[in-house]
Amino acid sequence: QVQLVESGGGLVQPGGSLRLSCAASGSMNGIYLMEWYRQTPGKQRALVAQITSGGITIYADSVKGRFTISRDDAKNTLYLQMNSLKPEDTAVYYCHIEKYWGQGTQVTVSS
């Protein structure tokens, strides 16, 4: 059983930055795909970014050029660097590794 613990969410002003972390209790070596999703009330969870073990990344159009996904397999941690944040980025952010989900971390972008 792998547990994922997210951190780094919070309240930030428009244009600000946050860095989300997702720490896995088990080894991430050999895991091909890791992802970040986000969800707002009344909407389905949506893919934000994904990264393969080879470092290939894909981003949702709405975050391209502003968000960066990365992984440190030695530290069993997945990251999401979020810059130039907008109010529409407000959501609960979840990491997803294989069949496992984190508990979610709230990101609120507001002045």
Foldseek 3Di string as FASTA:
>chain_A
DKAWAKDWADEAAQQAKIKMKIAIPDQPPPFFKKFKWWDDPPDDIGTAKMATPVGDMDGDPVQPPFKDWDDDRVRRMIMIIGGRDDQVVFTWMWMDTPPDIHPTDTHGYHD
